[in-house]
C-alpha atoms as a PDB file:
ATOM      1  CA  MET A   1     -23.105-109.120 -36.649  1.00  0.00           C
ATOM      2  CA  ASN A   2     -24.306-112.432 -36.886  1.00  0.00           C
ATOM      3  CA  LYS A   3     -27.264-112.793 -39.781  1.00  0.00           C
ATOM      4  CA  LEU A   4     -30.679-113.464 -37.659  1.00  0.00           C
ATOM      5  CA  SER A   5     -32.497-116.596 -38.722  1.00  0.00           C
ATOM      6  CA  ASP A   6     -35.284-117.115 -39.936  1.00  0.00           C
ATOM      7  CA  ARG A   7     -36.627-118.564 -36.511  1.00  0.00           C
ATOM      8  CA  HIS A   8     -35.490-115.707 -34.651  1.00  0.00           C
ATOM      9  CA  ARG A   9     -36.854-113.436 -37.239  1.00  0.00           C
ATOM     10  CA  LEU A  10     -40.550-115.262 -36.466  1.00  0.00           C
ATOM     11  CA  PHE A  11     -39.832-115.371 -32.853  1.00  0.00           C
ATOM     12  CA  CYS A  12     -38.883-111.367 -32.866  1.00  0.00           C
ATOM     13  CA  ASP A  13     -41.858-110.407 -35.242  1.00  0.00           C
ATOM     14  CA  ASN A  14     -44.184-112.209 -32.838  1.00  0.00           C
ATOM     15  CA  TYR A  15     -42.983-110.877 -29.487  1.00  0.00           C
ATOM     16  CA  LEU A  16     -43.045-107.093 -31.145  1.00  0.00           C
ATOM     17  CA  VAL A  17     -46.924-107.844 -31.914  1.00  0.00           C
ATOM     18  CA  THR A  18     -47.665-109.917 -28.328  1.00  0.00           C
ATOM     19  CA  ALA A  19     -44.684-108.607 -25.852  1.00  0.00           C
ATOM     20  CA  ASP A  20     -44.850-112.145 -24.659  1.00  0.00           C
ATOM     21  CA  ILE A  21     -42.328-114.577 -24.902  1.00  0.00           C
ATOM     22  CA  THR A  22     -44.251-117.531 -24.271  1.00  0.00           C
ATOM     23  CA  LYS A  23     -46.410-116.957 -27.378  1.00  0.00           C
ATOM     24  CA  ALA A  24     -43.842-115.787 -29.511  1.00  0.00           C
ATOM     25  CA  SER A  25     -41.691-118.928 -28.587  1.00  0.00           C
ATOM     26  CA  ALA A  26     -44.453-121.294 -29.681  1.00  0.00           C
ATOM     27  CA  ALA A  27     -45.082-119.304 -32.584  1.00  0.00           C
ATOM     28  CA  ALA A  28     -41.384-119.507 -33.657  1.00  0.00           C
ATOM     29  CA  GLY A  29     -41.517-123.346 -32.809  1.00  0.00           C
ATOM     30  CA  TYR A  30     -39.936-123.893 -29.722  1.00  0.00           C
ATOM     31  CA  LEU A  31     -41.120-126.179 -27.487  1.00  0.00           C
ATOM     32  CA  SER A  32     -40.920-124.348 -24.264  1.00  0.00           C
ATOM     33  CA  TYR A  33     -40.609-120.263 -23.844  1.00  0.00           C
ATOM     34  CA  ASN A  34     -36.795-119.254 -24.950  1.00  0.00           C
ATOM     35  CA  HIS A  35     -36.125-116.095 -23.014  1.00  0.00           C
ATOM     36  CA  GLU A  36     -32.279-116.897 -23.953  1.00  0.00           C
ATOM     37  CA  VAL A  37     -33.228-115.524 -27.680  1.00  0.00           C
ATOM     38  CA  LEU A  38     -33.778-111.774 -26.489  1.00  0.00           C
ATOM     39  CA  ASP A  39     -30.108-111.987 -25.036  1.00  0.00           C
ATOM     40  CA  LYS A  40     -28.509-112.572 -28.397  1.00  0.00           C
ATOM     41  CA  PRO A  41     -26.986-109.119 -30.025  1.00  0.00           C
ATOM     42  CA  GLU A  42     -28.756-109.865 -33.349  1.00  0.00           C
ATOM     43  CA  VAL A  43     -32.114-110.325 -31.866  1.00  0.00           C
ATOM     44  CA  LYS A  44     -31.574-107.319 -29.517  1.00  0.00           C
ATOM     45  CA  ALA A  45     -30.426-105.105 -32.735  1.00  0.00           C
ATOM     46  CA  TYR A  46     -33.665-106.458 -35.152  1.00  0.00           C
ATOM     47  CA  LEU A  47     -35.770-105.580 -32.211  1.00  0.00           C
ATOM     48  CA  LYS A  48     -34.517-102.198 -31.586  1.00  0.00           C
ATOM     49  CA  ASP A  49     -34.516-101.624 -35.301  1.00  0.00           C
ATOM     50  CA  LYS A  50     -38.113-103.035 -35.771  1.00  0.00           C
ATOM     51  CA  ARG A  51     -39.385-100.598 -32.726  1.00  0.00           C
ATOM     52  CA  ARG A  52     -37.664 -97.566 -34.330  1.00  0.00           C
ATOM     53  CA  LYS A  53     -39.431 -97.874 -37.486  1.00  0.00           C
ATOM     54  CA  LEU A  54     -42.739 -98.847 -35.946  1.00  0.00           C
ATOM     55  CA  ASN A  55     -42.422 -95.621 -33.704  1.00  0.00           C
ATOM     56  CA  ASN A  56     -41.682 -93.724 -37.042  1.00  0.00           C
ATOM     57  CA  VAL A  57     -44.442 -94.852 -38.684  1.00  0.00           C
ATOM     58  CA  ILE A  58     -47.257 -94.385 -36.178  1.00  0.00           C
ATOM     59  CA  GLY A  59     -45.644 -91.220 -34.483  1.00  0.00           C
ATOM     60  CA  LEU A  60     -45.254 -92.665 -31.016  1.00  0.00           C
ATOM     61  CA  ASP A  61     -41.810 -91.527 -29.840  1.00  0.00           C
ATOM     62  CA  PHE A  62     -40.935 -90.159 -26.493  1.00  0.00           C
ATOM     63  CA  TRP A  63     -41.662 -86.679 -27.337  1.00  0.00           C
ATOM     64  CA  TRP A  64     -45.040 -87.149 -28.827  1.00  0.00           C
ATOM     65  CA  LYS A  65     -46.292 -89.250 -25.770  1.00  0.00           C
ATOM     66  CA  ALA A  66     -44.769 -86.667 -23.552  1.00  0.00           C
ATOM     67  CA  ARG A  67     -46.356 -83.886 -25.358  1.00  0.00           C
ATOM     68  CA  ARG A  68     -49.928 -85.879 -25.044  1.00  0.00           C
ATOM     69  CA  LEU A  69     -49.617 -86.260 -21.268  1.00  0.00           C
ATOM     70  CA  GLU A  70     -48.545 -82.787 -20.859  1.00  0.00           C
ATOM     71  CA  THR A  71     -51.874 -81.572 -22.878  1.00  0.00           C
ATOM     72  CA  LEU A  72     -53.800 -83.989 -20.163  1.00  0.00           C
ATOM     73  CA  ILE A  73     -52.124 -82.403 -17.321  1.00  0.00           C
ATOM     74  CA  ASN A  74     -52.628 -78.755 -18.980  1.00  0.00           C
ATOM     75  CA  SER A  75     -56.444 -79.404 -19.443  1.00  0.00           C
ATOM     76  CA  VAL A  76     -56.762 -80.435 -15.889  1.00  0.00           C
ATOM     77  CA  ILE A  77     -54.542 -77.882 -14.318  1.00  0.00           C
ATOM     78  CA  GLY A  78     -54.083 -74.357 -14.765  1.00  0.00           C
ATOM     79  CA  ARG A  79     -57.260 -73.766 -16.593  1.00  0.00           C
ATOM     80  CA  GLU A  80     -58.414 -70.547 -17.501  1.00  0.00           C
ATOM     81  CA  GLY A  81     -55.472 -68.608 -17.032  1.00  0.00           C
ATOM     82  CA  ASP A  82     -55.047 -69.477 -13.292  1.00  0.00           C
ATOM     83  CA  PRO A  83     -52.127 -71.644 -12.709  1.00  0.00           C
ATOM     84  CA  ASP A  84     -53.733 -72.684  -9.039  1.00  0.00           C
ATOM     85  CA  SER A  85     -56.781 -74.069 -10.752  1.00  0.00           C
ATOM     86  CA  VAL A  86     -57.704 -77.428 -10.788  1.00  0.00           C
ATOM     87  CA  ASP A  87     -60.770 -79.487 -12.430  1.00  0.00           C
ATOM     88  CA  LEU A  88     -61.456 -81.763  -9.296  1.00  0.00           C
ATOM     89  CA  GLN A  89     -63.490 -84.075 -11.651  1.00  0.00           C
ATOM     90  CA  TYR A  90     -60.433 -85.125 -13.568  1.00  0.00           C
ATOM     91  CA  ALA A  91     -57.698 -84.597 -11.181  1.00  0.00           C
ATOM     92  CA  ASN A  92     -56.838 -88.537 -11.216  1.00  0.00           C
ATOM     93  CA  VAL A  93     -56.260 -87.865 -14.830  1.00  0.00           C
ATOM     94  CA  ALA A  94     -53.532 -85.400 -14.182  1.00  0.00           C
ATOM     95  CA  ILE A  95     -51.833 -87.095 -11.126  1.00  0.00           C
ATOM     96  CA  SER A  96     -51.421 -90.448 -13.740  1.00  0.00           C
ATOM     97  CA  ALA A  97     -50.385 -88.388 -16.354  1.00  0.00           C
ATOM     98  CA  ILE A  98     -47.558 -86.914 -14.241  1.00  0.00           C
ATOM     99  CA  ALA A  99     -46.877 -90.248 -12.812  1.00  0.00           C
ATOM    100  CA  GLU A 100     -46.146 -91.864 -16.292  1.00  0.00           C
ATOM    101  CA  LEU A 101     -44.168 -88.905 -17.319  1.00  0.00           C
ATOM    102  CA  ASN A 102     -41.883 -89.572 -14.225  1.00  0.00           C
ATOM    103  CA  LYS A 103     -41.990 -93.259 -15.387  1.00  0.00           C
ATOM    104  CA  MET A 104     -40.797 -91.974 -18.826  1.00  0.00           C
ATOM    105  CA  GLN A 105     -38.039 -89.899 -17.794  1.00  0.00           C
ATOM    106  CA  GLY A 106     -36.903 -92.356 -15.108  1.00  0.00           C
ATOM    107  CA  HIS A 107     -37.590 -90.963 -11.589  1.00  0.00           C
ATOM    108  CA  HIS A 108     -39.049 -93.990 -10.608  1.00  0.00           C
ATOM    109  CA  ALA A 109     -35.832 -96.358 -11.596  1.00  0.00           C
ATOM    110  CA  PRO A 110     -34.241 -97.914  -8.634  1.00  0.00           C
ATOM    111  CA  GLU A 111     -31.122 -96.587  -8.147  1.00  0.00           C
ATOM    112  CA  LYS A 112     -28.115 -98.700  -9.428  1.00  0.00           C
ATOM    113  CA  SER A 113     -25.586-100.518  -6.919  1.00  0.00           C
ATOM    114  CA  ILE A 114     -23.156-103.030  -7.146  1.00  0.00           C
ATOM    115  CA  VAL A 115     -22.750-106.014  -4.336  1.00  0.00           C
ATOM    116  CA  VAL A 116     -19.681-107.830  -4.360  1.00  0.00           C
ATOM    117  CA  ASN A 117     -19.442-110.948  -2.579  1.00  0.00           C
ATOM    118  CA  LEU A 118     -15.948-111.141  -1.574  1.00  0.00           C
ATOM    119  CA  GLU A 119     -15.947-114.600  -0.657  1.00  0.00           C
ATOM    120  CA  HIS A 120     -16.506-115.896  -4.148  1.00  0.00           C
ATOM    121  CA  ASP A 121     -13.752-114.149  -6.058  1.00  0.00           C
ATOM    122  CA  ALA A 122     -10.422-115.626  -5.009  1.00  0.00           C
ATOM    123  CA  GLN A 123      -8.567-112.258  -6.064  1.00  0.00           C
ATOM    124  CA  LEU A 124     -10.987-110.223  -4.262  1.00  0.00           C
ATOM    125  CA  LYS A 125     -10.683-112.397  -1.173  1.00  0.00           C
ATOM    126  CA  LEU A 126      -6.860-111.814  -1.308  1.00  0.00           C
ATOM    127  CA  VAL A 127      -7.500-108.069  -1.282  1.00  0.00           C
ATOM    128  CA  ASN A 128      -9.914-108.484   1.365  1.00  0.00           C
ATOM    129  CA  GLU A 129      -7.328-110.213   3.713  1.00  0.00           C
ATOM    130  CA  MET A 130      -4.864-107.609   2.995  1.00  0.00           C
ATOM    131  CA  THR A 131      -7.077-104.914   3.665  1.00  0.00           C
ATOM    132  CA  MET A 132      -8.008-106.611   7.210  1.00  0.00           C
ATOM    133  CA  GLN A 133      -4.595-107.147   7.730  1.00  0.00           C
ATOM    134  CA  LEU A 134      -3.585-103.547   7.243  1.00  0.00           C
ATOM    135  CA  LEU A 135      -6.652-102.353   9.096  1.00  0.00           C
ATOM    136  CA  GLU A 136      -5.191-104.657  11.843  1.00  0.00           C
ATOM    137  CA  GLN A 137      -1.826-103.374  11.936  1.00  0.00           C
ATOM    138  CA  LYS A 138      -2.832 -99.783  11.822  1.00  0.00           C
ATOM    139  CA  GLU A 139      -5.130-100.273  15.148  1.00  0.00           C
ATOM    140  CA  ILE A 140      -1.791-101.720  16.748  1.00  0.00           C
ATOM    141  CA  GLU A 141       0.143 -98.788  15.900  1.00  0.00           C
ATOM    142  CA  ASP A 142      -2.360 -96.603  16.644  1.00  0.00           C
ATOM    143  CA  LYS A 143      -2.537 -98.196  20.470  1.00  0.00           C
ATOM    144  CA  THR A 144       1.313 -98.249  20.907  1.00  0.00           C
ATOM    145  CA  LYS A 145       1.407 -94.531  19.794  1.00  0.00           C
ATOM    146  CA  GLU A 146      -1.354 -93.646  22.481  1.00  0.00           C
ATOM    147  CA  GLN A 147       0.680 -95.670  25.096  1.00  0.00           C
ATOM    148  CA  LYS A 148       3.823 -93.823  24.156  1.00  0.00           C
ATOM    149  CA  ASP A 149       1.691 -90.773  24.642  1.00  0.00           C
ATOM    150  CA  LYS A 150       0.457 -91.593  28.071  1.00  0.00           C
ATOM    151  CA  GLU A 151       4.166 -92.671  29.132  1.00  0.00           C
ATOM    152  CA  ASN A 152       6.063 -89.290  27.833  1.00  0.00           C
ATOM    153  CA  ASP A 153       2.923 -87.535  29.588  1.00  0.00           C
END
């Protein structure tokens, strides 16, 4: 792995504090915001390591957050031993906590799919043409078979 330059380290440290590419770029001395820095493997590794260390120091990992949200939900729903009871005054708090837990668990993440444009890749275009030829040949064979079946009846 490449070593992180002082400029990249300064960018990363400011990005961790501000979560703003423009501010972090300016602090590191770039003339304009530099989002390409975030794509560098050594920068990604540095940010990941720093975030992990920060989370360990302050205890804000996934499970801590999930437990706190669960506590909020339980304080509003299912009070006094009745699982169906809801403190309506704070129902919006429970709804927000449930929504946040859903996001954390990836329930609102878009489904991943790949869109391939066959016209731009020469090999894929060739495969597409061959597939179309095979389909046309199959249709011709099916029609020929139908005609022969009609003649035999």
